[in-house]
Each structure stands twice: as C-alpha cells, then as structure tokens.
C-alpha cells in the first residue's frame, strides 16, 4: 500500500513539474536564462582557475624565498 501511495505521489510531482516547465519555456526571461546559464558556469570555472593559478604562483614565490634564505644561512 505504501509503495502505491509513493508511486502516485511521484507521478503527481512529475506531472506538476512538466506543467510548470511547459508554461515557463515560452517566457522570454526563461529563454534568456537558459541561454545565459552555461556562460555563468564557464565564467565561474575561469574565475576558479585564475584563483588557483594565483595561489600556485604565491606558493612558488614563497618557496623561492625560503630556498634563498636557506642558502644564505
């Protein structure tokens, strides 16, 4: 009985989501959002890559400074 109720609730949820999607897909702002969304992810990835490159450069600089101090000592 529990499985049947769970299945019925799942079907209603899927149907509701499908109806909402069908309404949204014709709205201009939704069309814009679906076109821009991949660009937002690419920008985020680029920013993360830039941060990691800066961190790496900072660590390399610190390592060179440590090596220079070790040679002097």
PDB file of N, CA and C in Angstrom:
ATOM      1  N   UNK A   1       0.824  -1.197   0.000  1.00  0.00           N
ATOM      2  CA  UNK A   1       0.000   0.000   0.000  1.00  0.00           C
ATOM      3  C   UNK A   1       0.868   1.260   0.000  1.00  0.00           C
ATOM      4  N   UNK A   2       1.946   1.206   0.804  1.00  0.00           N
ATOM      5  CA  UNK A   2       2.839   2.350   0.902  1.00  0.00           C
ATOM      6  C   UNK A   2       3.516   2.622  -0.442  1.00  0.00           C
ATOM      7  N   UNK A   3       3.888   1.553  -1.156  1.00  0.00           N
ATOM      8  CA  UNK A   3       4.533   1.709  -2.463  1.00  0.00           C
ATOM      9  C   UNK A   3       3.591   2.368  -3.460  1.00  0.00           C
ATOM     10  N   UNK A   4       2.329   1.978  -3.423  1.00  0.00           N
ATOM     11  CA  UNK A   4       1.341   2.527  -4.351  1.00  0.00           C
ATOM     12  C   UNK A   4       1.156   4.024  -4.092  1.00  0.00           C
ATOM     13  N   UNK A   5       1.056   4.413  -2.819  1.00  0.00           N
ATOM     14  CA  UNK A   5       0.906   5.829  -2.476  1.00  0.00           C
ATOM     15  C   UNK A   5       2.144   6.625  -2.887  1.00  0.00           C
ATOM     16  N   UNK A   6       3.304   6.040  -2.644  1.00  0.00           N
ATOM     17  CA  UNK A   6       4.556   6.701  -3.007  1.00  0.00           C
ATOM     18  C   UNK A   6       4.645   6.885  -4.519  1.00  0.00           C
ATOM     19  N   UNK A   7       4.251   5.860  -5.264  1.00  0.00           N
ATOM     20  CA  UNK A   7       4.278   5.926  -6.726  1.00  0.00           C
ATOM     21  C   UNK A   7       3.308   6.992  -7.236  1.00  0.00           C
ATOM     22  N   UNK A   8       2.114   7.042  -6.659  1.00  0.00           N
ATOM     23  CA  UNK A   8       1.114   8.032  -7.073  1.00  0.00           C
ATOM     24  C   UNK A   8       1.605   9.450  -6.789  1.00  0.00           C
ATOM     25  N   UNK A   9       2.217   9.648  -5.631  1.00  0.00           N
ATOM     26  CA  UNK A   9       2.744  10.963  -5.285  1.00  0.00           C
ATOM     27  C   UNK A   9       3.881  11.358  -6.237  1.00  0.00           C
ATOM     28  N   UNK A  10       4.716  10.396  -6.598  1.00  0.00           N
ATOM     29  CA  UNK A  10       5.808  10.661  -7.536  1.00  0.00           C
ATOM     30  C   UNK A  10       5.273  11.053  -8.906  1.00  0.00           C
ATOM     31  N   UNK A  11       4.247  10.371  -9.356  1.00  0.00           N
ATOM     32  CA  UNK A  11       3.641  10.683 -10.658  1.00  0.00           C
ATOM     33  C   UNK A  11       3.060  12.093 -10.648  1.00  0.00           C
ATOM     34  N   UNK A  12       2.367  12.451  -9.565  1.00  0.00           N
ATOM     35  CA  UNK A  12       1.801  13.803  -9.469  1.00  0.00           C
ATOM     36  C   UNK A  12       2.895  14.869  -9.483  1.00  0.00           C
ATOM     37  N   UNK A  13       3.988  14.588  -8.804  1.00  0.00           N
ATOM     38  CA  UNK A  13       5.100  15.537  -8.772  1.00  0.00           C
ATOM     39  C   UNK A  13       5.696  15.730 -10.162  1.00  0.00           C
ATOM     40  N   UNK A  14       5.903  14.637 -10.869  1.00  0.00           N
ATOM     41  CA  UNK A  14       6.458  14.719 -12.227  1.00  0.00           C
ATOM     42  C   UNK A  14       5.504  15.472 -13.148  1.00  0.00           C
ATOM     43  N   UNK A  15       4.215  15.196 -13.042  1.00  0.00           N
ATOM     44  CA  UNK A  15       3.227  15.890 -13.874  1.00  0.00           C
ATOM     45  C   UNK A  15       3.206  17.389 -13.574  1.00  0.00           C
ATOM     46  N   UNK A  16       3.253  17.732 -12.291  1.00  0.00           N
ATOM     47  CA  UNK A  16       3.258  19.147 -11.905  1.00  0.00           C
ATOM     48  C   UNK A  16       4.491  19.848 -12.469  1.00  0.00           C
ATOM     49  N   UNK A  17       5.657  19.202 -12.344  1.00  0.00           N
ATOM     50  CA  UNK A  17       6.886  19.797 -12.865  1.00  0.00           C
ATOM     51  C   UNK A  17       6.838  19.941 -14.384  1.00  0.00           C
ATOM     52  N   UNK A  18       6.252  18.978 -15.067  1.00  0.00           N
ATOM     53  CA  UNK A  18       6.129  19.055 -16.529  1.00  0.00           C
ATOM     54  C   UNK A  18       5.216  20.210 -16.928  1.00  0.00           C
ATOM     55  N   UNK A  19       4.108  20.401 -16.204  1.00  0.00           N
ATOM     56  CA  UNK A  19       3.206  21.516 -16.500  1.00  0.00           C
ATOM     57  C   UNK A  19       3.910  22.855 -16.288  1.00  0.00           C
ATOM     58  N   UNK A  20       4.639  22.960 -15.198  1.00  0.00           N
ATOM     59  CA  UNK A  20       5.364  24.206 -14.914  1.00  0.00           C
ATOM     60  C   UNK A  20       6.398  24.473 -15.998  1.00  0.00           C
ATOM     61  N   UNK A  21       7.133  23.448 -16.394  1.00  0.00           N
ATOM     62  CA  UNK A  21       8.139  23.625 -17.445  1.00  0.00           C
ATOM     63  C   UNK A  21       7.498  24.073 -18.752  1.00  0.00           C
ATOM     64  N   UNK A  22       6.369  23.460 -19.120  1.00  0.00           N
ATOM     65  CA  UNK A  22       5.682  23.844 -20.358  1.00  0.00           C
ATOM     66  C   UNK A  22       5.238  25.302 -20.326  1.00  0.00           C
ATOM     67  N   UNK A  23       4.852  25.799 -19.161  1.00  0.00           N
ATOM     68  CA  UNK A  23       4.490  27.209 -19.040  1.00  0.00           C
ATOM     69  C   UNK A  23       5.724  28.100 -19.141  1.00  0.00           C
ATOM     70  N   UNK A  24       6.798  27.698 -18.485  1.00  0.00           N
ATOM     71  CA  UNK A  24       7.998  28.529 -18.427  1.00  0.00           C
ATOM     72  C   UNK A  24       8.731  28.632 -19.756  1.00  0.00           C
ATOM     73  N   UNK A  25       8.739  27.566 -20.526  1.00  0.00           N
ATOM     74  CA  UNK A  25       9.588  27.548 -21.719  1.00  0.00           C
ATOM     75  C   UNK A  25       9.215  28.601 -22.751  1.00  0.00           C
ATOM     76  N   UNK A  26       8.006  29.144 -22.690  1.00  0.00           N
ATOM     77  CA  UNK A  26       7.612  30.183 -23.646  1.00  0.00           C
ATOM     78  C   UNK A  26       7.892  31.593 -23.120  1.00  0.00           C
ATOM     79  N   UNK A  27       8.278  31.736 -21.868  1.00  0.00           N
ATOM     80  CA  UNK A  27       8.535  33.054 -21.305  1.00  0.00           C
ATOM     81  C   UNK A  27       9.898  33.563 -21.763  1.00  0.00           C
ATOM     82  N   UNK A  28       9.983  34.802 -22.212  1.00  0.00           N
ATOM     83  CA  UNK A  28      11.259  35.341 -22.715  1.00  0.00           C
ATOM     84  C   UNK A  28      12.385  35.316 -21.680  1.00  0.00           C
ATOM     85  N   UNK A  29      12.070  35.631 -20.419  1.00  0.00           N
ATOM     86  CA  UNK A  29      13.141  35.647 -19.421  1.00  0.00           C
ATOM     87  C   UNK A  29      13.685  34.244 -19.192  1.00  0.00           C
ATOM     88  N   UNK A  30      12.845  33.223 -19.310  1.00  0.00           N
ATOM     89  CA  UNK A  30      13.306  31.842 -19.140  1.00  0.00           C
ATOM     90  C   UNK A  30      14.204  31.440 -20.304  1.00  0.00           C
ATOM     91  N   UNK A  31      13.835  31.856 -21.510  1.00  0.00           N
ATOM     92  CA  UNK A  31      14.660  31.562 -22.679  1.00  0.00           C
ATOM     93  C   UNK A  31      16.024  32.233 -22.540  1.00  0.00           C
ATOM     94  N   UNK A  32      16.023  33.473 -22.060  1.00  0.00           N
ATOM     95  CA  UNK A  32      17.288  34.175 -21.831  1.00  0.00           C
ATOM     96  C   UNK A  32      18.119  33.445 -20.776  1.00  0.00           C
ATOM     97  N   UNK A  33      17.474  33.070 -19.687  1.00  0.00           N
ATOM     98  CA  UNK A  33      18.184  32.380 -18.605  1.00  0.00           C
ATOM     99  C   UNK A  33      18.810  31.076 -19.094  1.00  0.00           C
ATOM    100  N   UNK A  34      18.079  30.288 -19.875  1.00  0.00           N
ATOM    101  CA  UNK A  34      18.621  29.012 -20.343  1.00  0.00           C
ATOM    102  C   UNK A  34      19.774  29.214 -21.314  1.00  0.00           C
ATOM    103  N   UNK A  35      19.808  30.353 -22.007  1.00  0.00           N
ATOM    104  CA  UNK A  35      20.935  30.636 -22.902  1.00  0.00           C
ATOM    105  C   UNK A  35      22.143  31.163 -22.146  1.00  0.00           C
ATOM    106  N   UNK A  36      21.907  31.910 -21.077  1.00  0.00           N
ATOM    107  CA  UNK A  36      22.995  32.543 -20.329  1.00  0.00           C
ATOM    108  C   UNK A  36      23.594  31.597 -19.292  1.00  0.00           C
ATOM    109  N   UNK A  37      22.821  30.667 -18.788  1.00  0.00           N
ATOM    110  CA  UNK A  37      23.279  29.790 -17.711  1.00  0.00           C
ATOM    111  C   UNK A  37      24.593  29.078 -18.004  1.00  0.00           C
ATOM    112  N   UNK A  38      24.813  28.505 -19.185  1.00  0.00           N
ATOM    113  CA  UNK A  38      26.114  27.882 -19.448  1.00  0.00           C
ATOM    114  C   UNK A  38      27.269  28.883 -19.402  1.00  0.00           C
ATOM    115  N   UNK A  39      27.004  30.107 -19.792  1.00  0.00           N
ATOM    116  CA  UNK A  39      28.044  31.131 -19.738  1.00  0.00           C
ATOM    117  C   UNK A  39      28.414  31.456 -18.299  1.00  0.00           C
ATOM    118  N   UNK A  40      27.437  31.422 -17.409  1.00  0.00           N
ATOM    119  CA  UNK A  40      27.713  31.683 -15.998  1.00  0.00           C
ATOM    120  C   UNK A  40      28.626  30.613 -15.422  1.00  0.00           C
ATOM    121  N   UNK A  41      28.400  29.370 -15.785  1.00  0.00           N
ATOM    122  CA  UNK A  41      29.248  28.275 -15.309  1.00  0.00           C
ATOM    123  C   UNK A  41      30.658  28.422 -15.861  1.00  0.00           C
ATOM    124  N   UNK A  42      30.786  28.815 -17.120  1.00  0.00           N
ATOM    125  CA  UNK A  42      32.107  28.986 -17.723  1.00  0.00           C
ATOM    126  C   UNK A  42      32.860  30.115 -17.034  1.00  0.00           C
ATOM    127  N   UNK A  43      32.174  31.192 -16.713  1.00  0.00           N
ATOM    128  CA  UNK A  43      32.803  32.311 -16.021  1.00  0.00           C
ATOM    129  C   UNK A  43      33.268  31.883 -14.640  1.00  0.00           C
ATOM    130  N   UNK A  44      32.439  31.118 -13.944  1.00  0.00           N
ATOM    131  CA  UNK A  44      32.806  30.644 -12.612  1.00  0.00           C
ATOM    132  C   UNK A  44      34.041  29.751 -12.697  1.00  0.00           C
ATOM    133  N   UNK A  45      34.078  28.869 -13.697  1.00  0.00           N
ATOM    134  CA  UNK A  45      35.231  27.992 -13.870  1.00  0.00           C
ATOM    135  C   UNK A  45      36.488  28.795 -14.167  1.00  0.00           C
ATOM    136  N   UNK A  46      36.360  29.821 -15.009  1.00  0.00           N
ATOM    137  CA  UNK A  46      37.506  30.669 -15.321  1.00  0.00           C
ATOM    138  C   UNK A  46      38.013  31.384 -14.076  1.00  0.00           C
ATOM    139  N   UNK A  47      37.095  31.886 -13.256  1.00  0.00           N
ATOM    140  CA  UNK A  47      37.493  32.572 -12.027  1.00  0.00           C
ATOM    141  C   UNK A  47      38.196  31.616 -11.073  1.00  0.00           C
ATOM    142  N   UNK A  48      37.686  30.405 -10.936  1.00  0.00           N
ATOM    143  CA  UNK A  48      38.319  29.423 -10.059  1.00  0.00           C
ATOM    144  C   UNK A  48      39.706  29.063 -10.566  1.00  0.00           C
ATOM    145  N   UNK A  49      39.841  28.904 -11.871  1.00  0.00           N
ATOM    146  CA  UNK A  49      41.136  28.587 -12.463  1.00  0.00           C
ATOM    147  C   UNK A  49      42.123  29.724 -12.216  1.00  0.00           C
ATOM    148  N   UNK A  50      41.671  30.949 -12.361  1.00  0.00           N
ATOM    149  CA  UNK A  50      42.526  32.109 -12.120  1.00  0.00           C
ATOM    150  C   UNK A  50      42.969  32.161 -10.654  1.00  0.00           C
ATOM    151  N   UNK A  51      42.056  31.880  -9.718  1.00  0.00           N
ATOM    152  CA  UNK A  51      42.400  31.867  -8.296  1.00  0.00           C
ATOM    153  C   UNK A  51      43.448  30.803  -8.000  1.00  0.00           C
ATOM    154  N   UNK A  52      43.261  29.611  -8.564  1.00  0.00           N
ATOM    155  CA  UNK A  52      44.216  28.526  -8.332  1.00  0.00           C
ATOM    156  C   UNK A  52      45.586  28.877  -8.909  1.00  0.00           C
ATOM    157  N   UNK A  53      45.611  29.520 -10.070  1.00  0.00           N
ATOM    158  CA  UNK A  53      46.884  29.925 -10.665  1.00  0.00           C
ATOM    159  C   UNK A  53      47.574  30.955  -9.777  1.00  0.00           C
ATOM    160  N   UNK A  54      46.814  31.895  -9.218  1.00  0.00           N
ATOM    161  CA  UNK A  54      47.392  32.886  -8.307  1.00  0.00           C
ATOM    162  C   UNK A  54      47.938  32.222  -7.051  1.00  0.00           C
ATOM    163  N   UNK A  55      47.201  31.264  -6.505  1.00  0.00           N
ATOM    164  CA  UNK A  55      47.676  30.534  -5.326  1.00  0.00           C
ATOM    165  C   UNK A  55      48.974  29.802  -5.631  1.00  0.00           C
ATOM    166  N   UNK A  56      49.029  29.158  -6.783  1.00  0.00           N
ATOM    167  CA  UNK A  56      50.221  28.421  -7.181  1.00  0.00           C
ATOM    168  C   UNK A  56      51.409  29.363  -7.322  1.00  0.00           C
ATOM    169  N   UNK A  57      51.202  30.510  -7.951  1.00  0.00           N
ATOM    170  CA  UNK A  57      52.285  31.484  -8.092  1.00  0.00           C
ATOM    171  C   UNK A  57      52.766  31.983  -6.739  1.00  0.00           C
ATOM    172  N   UNK A  58      51.832  32.232  -5.824  1.00  0.00           N
ATOM    173  CA  UNK A  58      52.199  32.680  -4.479  1.00  0.00           C
ATOM    174  C   UNK A  58      53.023  31.610  -3.765  1.00  0.00           C
ATOM    175  N   UNK A  59      52.617  30.357  -3.862  1.00  0.00           N
ATOM    176  CA  UNK A  59      53.362  29.276  -3.217  1.00  0.00           C
ATOM    177  C   UNK A  59      54.755  29.123  -3.815  1.00  0.00           C
ATOM    178  N   UNK A  60      54.862  29.257  -5.136  1.00  0.00           N
ATOM    179  CA  UNK A  60      56.178  29.177  -5.782  1.00  0.00           C
ATOM    180  C   UNK A  60      57.078  30.313  -5.315  1.00  0.00           C
ATOM    181  N   UNK A  61      56.522  31.523  -5.204  1.00  0.00           N
ATOM    182  CA  UNK A  61      57.286  32.675  -4.738  1.00  0.00           C
ATOM    183  C   UNK A  61      57.781  32.439  -3.314  1.00  0.00           C
ATOM    184  N   UNK A  62      56.898  31.948  -2.443  1.00  0.00           N
ATOM    185  CA  UNK A  62      57.288  31.674  -1.060  1.00  0.00           C
ATOM    186  C   UNK A  62      58.370  30.606  -0.998  1.00  0.00           C
ATOM    187  N   UNK A  63      58.260  29.588  -1.834  1.00  0.00           N
ATOM    188  CA  UNK A  63      59.267  28.520  -1.854  1.00  0.00           C
ATOM    189  C   UNK A  63      60.622  29.073  -2.293  1.00  0.00           C
ATOM    190  N   UNK A  64      60.643  29.922  -3.316  1.00  0.00           N
ATOM    191  CA  UNK A  64      61.907  30.526  -3.760  1.00  0.00           C
ATOM    192  C   UNK A  64      62.525  31.366  -2.653  1.00  0.00           C
ATOM    193  N   UNK A  65      61.677  32.118  -1.923  1.00  0.00           N
ATOM    194  CA  UNK A  65      62.186  32.937  -0.818  1.00  0.00           C
ATOM    195  C   UNK A  65      62.772  32.061   0.280  1.00  0.00           C
ATOM    196  N   UNK A  66      62.112  30.950   0.600  1.00  0.00           N
ATOM    197  CA  UNK A  66      62.639  30.030   1.618  1.00  0.00           C
ATOM    198  C   UNK A  66      63.973  29.443   1.184  1.00  0.00           C
ATOM    199  N   UNK A  67      64.057  29.058  -0.086  1.00  0.00           N
ATOM    200  CA  UNK A  67      65.306  28.494  -0.595  1.00  0.00           C
ATOM    201  C   UNK A  67      66.422  29.526  -0.554  1.00  0.00           C
ATOM    202  N   UNK A  68      66.118  30.773  -0.876  1.00  0.00           N
ATOM    203  CA  UNK A  68      67.133  31.831  -0.839  1.00  0.00           C
ATOM    204  C   UNK A  68      67.608  32.064   0.589  1.00  0.00           C
ATOM    205  N   UNK A  69      66.702  32.059   1.552  1.00  0.00           N
ATOM    206  CA  UNK A  69      67.095  32.229   2.957  1.00  0.00           C
ATOM    207  C   UNK A  69      67.914  31.044   3.432  1.00  0.00           C
ATOM    208  N   UNK A  70      67.566  29.835   2.980  1.00  0.00           N
ATOM    209  CA  UNK A  70      68.294  28.635   3.400  1.00  0.00           C
ATOM    210  C   UNK A  70      69.713  28.666   2.842  1.00  0.00           C
ATOM    211  N   UNK A  71      69.909  29.157   1.632  1.00  0.00           N
ATOM    212  CA  UNK A  71      71.253  29.245   1.051  1.00  0.00           C
ATOM    213  C   UNK A  71      72.106  30.267   1.781  1.00  0.00           C
ATOM    214  N   UNK A  72      71.495  31.356   2.228  1.00  0.00           N
ATOM    215  CA  UNK A  72      72.240  32.392   2.944  1.00  0.00           C
ATOM    216  C   UNK A  72      72.655  31.912   4.331  1.00  0.00           C
ATOM    217  N   UNK A  73      71.864  31.080   4.942  1.00  0.00           N
ATOM    218  CA  UNK A  73      72.133  30.640   6.319  1.00  0.00           C
ATOM    219  C   UNK A  73      73.196  29.588   6.392  1.00  0.00           C
TER     220      UNK A  73
END
